[in-house]
Structure formats: structure tokens, C-alpha cells
Amino acid sequence: MRGLSAELHGQIRVRTVEHLDPEAKRAVERFKWDSHGLVITREGRVLYTASDHRANAYDALVAAKRAVGEPTDDCR
């Protein structure tokens, strides 16, 4: 996921939240995850979410590309 920002030419920002951070704990509760997960948002709207180890890099990339109007046919 770290390369996603570069791949989309800075149109999105990728950041990691430490699992003990209050923001991370709120996300676990909000999305009803067991312990952690992945969320992609843009302008406050959730584009993609996956819990625990179910996060899928392909699905996350497609969601991010669609959000910024990039073609998705080259994702595989």
C-alpha cells in the first residue's frame, strides 16, 4: 500500500496508524473488526474497507484508482 501514493502520482496519501492509537481503536469499533484492518477514504467517504488479514491489495488499488479517475484495466 505504501507505493500506492507514488503510483497515483500523489493524488492520494497513504498513512499507517499505530494499533494502540485511539484513532485505530475507534476504527476497530466502527468497522466491527476483530483487531485491525485497512480503510481507504477520500474526502471523508469510505471507498474500501477490509478487516484483519482479509485486506486485498488488488481490490484496494482498484478502489483508489476509481476514486481519482485512473483506468483500472492495468491493475492485474
N, C-alpha and C. Protein backbone atom coordinates (compact mmCIF):
# COMPACT_ATOMS: atom_id res chain seq x y z
N MET A 1 0.81 -1.19 0.00
CA MET A 1 0.00 0.00 0.00
C MET A 1 0.86 1.26 0.00
N ARG A 2 2.06 1.15 0.50
CA ARG A 2 2.92 2.34 0.57
C ARG A 2 3.24 2.91 -0.80
N GLY A 3 3.31 2.06 -1.81
CA GLY A 3 3.61 2.52 -3.15
C GLY A 3 2.42 3.12 -3.87
N LEU A 4 1.26 3.02 -3.27
CA LEU A 4 0.03 3.49 -3.90
C LEU A 4 0.06 4.99 -4.17
N SER A 5 0.56 5.76 -3.24
CA SER A 5 0.63 7.21 -3.43
C SER A 5 1.49 7.57 -4.63
N ALA A 6 2.64 6.93 -4.76
CA ALA A 6 3.52 7.20 -5.89
C ALA A 6 2.89 6.73 -7.20
N GLU A 7 2.25 5.58 -7.16
CA GLU A 7 1.63 5.04 -8.37
C GLU A 7 0.52 5.95 -8.88
N LEU A 8 -0.17 6.61 -7.96
CA LEU A 8 -1.26 7.51 -8.34
C LEU A 8 -0.80 8.97 -8.34
N HIS A 9 0.50 9.16 -8.47
CA HIS A 9 1.10 10.48 -8.67
C HIS A 9 0.70 11.48 -7.57
N GLY A 10 0.68 11.02 -6.34
CA GLY A 10 0.40 11.91 -5.22
C GLY A 10 -1.05 12.34 -5.08
N GLN A 11 -1.95 11.73 -5.83
CA GLN A 11 -3.36 12.09 -5.76
C GLN A 11 -4.03 11.59 -4.48
N ILE A 12 -3.39 10.63 -3.85
CA ILE A 12 -3.88 10.14 -2.56
C ILE A 12 -2.70 10.10 -1.60
N ARG A 13 -3.03 10.01 -0.33
CA ARG A 13 -1.99 9.92 0.69
C ARG A 13 -2.22 8.63 1.46
N VAL A 14 -1.17 7.90 1.69
CA VAL A 14 -1.24 6.65 2.45
C VAL A 14 -0.58 6.89 3.80
N ARG A 15 -1.26 6.50 4.84
CA ARG A 15 -0.67 6.61 6.16
C ARG A 15 -1.04 5.41 6.99
N THR A 16 -0.19 5.08 7.92
CA THR A 16 -0.39 3.96 8.82
C THR A 16 -0.68 4.52 10.21
N VAL A 17 -1.63 3.92 10.88
CA VAL A 17 -1.97 4.32 12.24
C VAL A 17 -1.55 3.20 13.18
N GLU A 18 -0.75 3.52 14.16
CA GLU A 18 -0.30 2.55 15.16
C GLU A 18 -1.51 1.92 15.85
N HIS A 19 -1.45 0.62 16.06
CA HIS A 19 -2.60 -0.11 16.59
C HIS A 19 -3.05 0.35 17.98
N LEU A 20 -2.18 0.97 18.73
CA LEU A 20 -2.56 1.45 20.07
C LEU A 20 -3.12 2.87 20.05
N ASP A 21 -3.06 3.52 18.91
CA ASP A 21 -3.56 4.88 18.76
C ASP A 21 -5.09 4.89 18.96
N PRO A 22 -5.63 5.89 19.63
CA PRO A 22 -7.08 5.97 19.81
C PRO A 22 -7.85 5.94 18.49
N GLU A 23 -7.29 6.53 17.44
CA GLU A 23 -7.95 6.51 16.13
C GLU A 23 -8.10 5.08 15.62
N ALA A 24 -7.08 4.26 15.82
CA ALA A 24 -7.15 2.86 15.40
C ALA A 24 -8.21 2.11 16.19
N LYS A 25 -8.26 2.36 17.47
CA LYS A 25 -9.27 1.69 18.31
C LYS A 25 -10.68 2.07 17.88
N ARG A 26 -10.87 3.35 17.51
CA ARG A 26 -12.19 3.78 17.04
C ARG A 26 -12.55 3.09 15.72
N ALA A 27 -11.57 2.92 14.84
CA ALA A 27 -11.82 2.25 13.56
C ALA A 27 -12.21 0.80 13.78
N VAL A 28 -11.53 0.11 14.70
CA VAL A 28 -11.87 -1.28 15.01
C VAL A 28 -13.32 -1.37 15.46
N GLU A 29 -13.74 -0.45 16.30
CA GLU A 29 -15.14 -0.46 16.77
C GLU A 29 -16.10 -0.09 15.64
N ARG A 30 -15.77 0.95 14.89
CA ARG A 30 -16.67 1.42 13.83
C ARG A 30 -16.92 0.36 12.77
N PHE A 31 -15.85 -0.32 12.36
CA PHE A 31 -15.98 -1.29 11.28
C PHE A 31 -16.18 -2.72 11.78
N LYS A 32 -16.26 -2.87 13.10
CA LYS A 32 -16.53 -4.17 13.72
C LYS A 32 -15.48 -5.22 13.34
N TRP A 33 -14.22 -4.80 13.36
CA TRP A 33 -13.12 -5.71 13.08
C TRP A 33 -12.74 -6.44 14.35
N ASP A 34 -12.05 -7.58 14.20
CA ASP A 34 -11.54 -8.29 15.37
C ASP A 34 -10.38 -7.52 16.00
N SER A 35 -9.43 -7.05 15.17
CA SER A 35 -8.28 -6.37 15.75
C SER A 35 -7.73 -5.23 14.91
N HIS A 36 -7.79 -5.33 13.58
CA HIS A 36 -7.22 -4.29 12.72
C HIS A 36 -7.81 -4.42 11.33
N GLY A 37 -7.43 -3.51 10.44
CA GLY A 37 -7.93 -3.57 9.08
C GLY A 37 -7.35 -2.48 8.21
N LEU A 38 -7.93 -2.33 7.04
CA LEU A 38 -7.49 -1.35 6.06
C LEU A 38 -8.70 -0.53 5.63
N VAL A 39 -8.53 0.79 5.61
CA VAL A 39 -9.59 1.68 5.15
C VAL A 39 -8.99 2.65 4.15
N ILE A 40 -9.67 2.83 3.04
CA ILE A 40 -9.29 3.86 2.08
C ILE A 40 -10.45 4.84 2.03
N THR A 41 -10.14 6.11 2.29
CA THR A 41 -11.16 7.15 2.25
C THR A 41 -10.72 8.26 1.30
N ARG A 42 -11.68 9.01 0.85
CA ARG A 42 -11.40 10.22 0.07
C ARG A 42 -12.47 11.22 0.40
N GLU A 43 -12.02 12.38 0.87
CA GLU A 43 -12.93 13.46 1.24
C GLU A 43 -13.99 12.97 2.22
N GLY A 44 -13.57 12.15 3.16
CA GLY A 44 -14.46 11.67 4.21
C GLY A 44 -15.33 10.49 3.83
N ARG A 45 -15.29 10.06 2.58
CA ARG A 45 -16.11 8.94 2.13
C ARG A 45 -15.28 7.67 2.10
N VAL A 46 -15.81 6.60 2.66
CA VAL A 46 -15.11 5.31 2.68
C VAL A 46 -15.22 4.68 1.30
N LEU A 47 -14.05 4.39 0.70
CA LEU A 47 -14.01 3.77 -0.62
C LEU A 47 -13.78 2.27 -0.54
N TYR A 48 -13.03 1.85 0.47
CA TYR A 48 -12.69 0.43 0.62
C TYR A 48 -12.39 0.16 2.08
N THR A 49 -12.84 -0.97 2.55
CA THR A 49 -12.50 -1.41 3.90
C THR A 49 -12.40 -2.93 3.92
N ALA A 50 -11.45 -3.44 4.67
CA ALA A 50 -11.30 -4.88 4.82
C ALA A 50 -10.77 -5.14 6.23
N SER A 51 -11.28 -6.17 6.84
CA SER A 51 -10.90 -6.46 8.22
C SER A 51 -9.72 -7.41 8.31
N ASP A 52 -8.97 -7.21 9.36
CA ASP A 52 -7.90 -8.11 9.76
C ASP A 52 -7.02 -8.51 8.57
N HIS A 53 -6.88 -9.78 8.29
CA HIS A 53 -6.00 -10.23 7.21
C HIS A 53 -6.76 -10.49 5.92
N ARG A 54 -7.95 -9.93 5.82
CA ARG A 54 -8.75 -10.08 4.61
C ARG A 54 -8.50 -8.96 3.60
N ALA A 55 -7.67 -8.00 3.95
CA ALA A 55 -7.36 -6.90 3.05
C ALA A 55 -6.76 -7.45 1.77
N ASN A 56 -7.21 -6.94 0.65
CA ASN A 56 -6.79 -7.42 -0.65
C ASN A 56 -6.17 -6.26 -1.41
N ALA A 57 -4.91 -6.33 -1.72
CA ALA A 57 -4.20 -5.23 -2.37
C ALA A 57 -4.82 -4.89 -3.73
N TYR A 58 -5.25 -5.90 -4.47
CA TYR A 58 -5.86 -5.64 -5.78
C TYR A 58 -7.14 -4.82 -5.62
N ASP A 59 -8.03 -5.24 -4.74
CA ASP A 59 -9.28 -4.51 -4.53
C ASP A 59 -9.03 -3.10 -4.03
N ALA A 60 -8.05 -2.94 -3.15
CA ALA A 60 -7.71 -1.62 -2.63
C ALA A 60 -7.19 -0.72 -3.76
N LEU A 61 -6.34 -1.27 -4.62
CA LEU A 61 -5.80 -0.50 -5.74
C LEU A 61 -6.91 -0.07 -6.70
N VAL A 62 -7.80 -0.97 -7.02
CA VAL A 62 -8.92 -0.64 -7.92
C VAL A 62 -9.78 0.47 -7.31
N ALA A 63 -10.10 0.37 -6.04
CA ALA A 63 -10.92 1.39 -5.37
C ALA A 63 -10.23 2.75 -5.40
N ALA A 64 -8.94 2.78 -5.13
CA ALA A 64 -8.19 4.03 -5.13
C ALA A 64 -8.11 4.62 -6.53
N LYS A 65 -7.85 3.79 -7.52
CA LYS A 65 -7.77 4.29 -8.90
C LYS A 65 -9.11 4.84 -9.36
N ARG A 66 -10.17 4.16 -9.05
CA ARG A 66 -11.50 4.66 -9.44
C ARG A 66 -11.78 6.01 -8.79
N ALA A 67 -11.36 6.17 -7.56
CA ALA A 67 -11.62 7.40 -6.82
C ALA A 67 -10.95 8.61 -7.46
N VAL A 68 -9.82 8.38 -8.10
CA VAL A 68 -9.10 9.51 -8.70
C VAL A 68 -9.24 9.53 -10.23
N GLY A 69 -10.11 8.68 -10.77
CA GLY A 69 -10.38 8.69 -12.19
C GLY A 69 -9.32 8.03 -13.06
N GLU A 70 -8.50 7.19 -12.47
CA GLU A 70 -7.47 6.46 -13.22
C GLU A 70 -8.08 5.19 -13.80
N PRO A 71 -7.59 4.73 -14.97
CA PRO A 71 -8.09 3.47 -15.52
C PRO A 71 -7.69 2.29 -14.62
N THR A 72 -8.55 1.29 -14.58
CA THR A 72 -8.30 0.13 -13.73
C THR A 72 -7.94 -1.12 -14.52
N ASP A 73 -7.88 -1.01 -15.84
CA ASP A 73 -7.63 -2.19 -16.66
C ASP A 73 -6.20 -2.72 -16.53
N ASP A 74 -5.29 -1.93 -15.94
CA ASP A 74 -3.91 -2.37 -15.79
C ASP A 74 -3.58 -2.80 -14.36
N CYS A 75 -4.57 -3.10 -13.56
CA CYS A 75 -4.34 -3.44 -12.16
C CYS A 75 -3.81 -4.85 -11.95
N ARG A 76 -4.03 -5.74 -12.85
CA ARG A 76 -3.58 -7.13 -12.67
C ARG A 76 -2.18 -7.33 -13.16
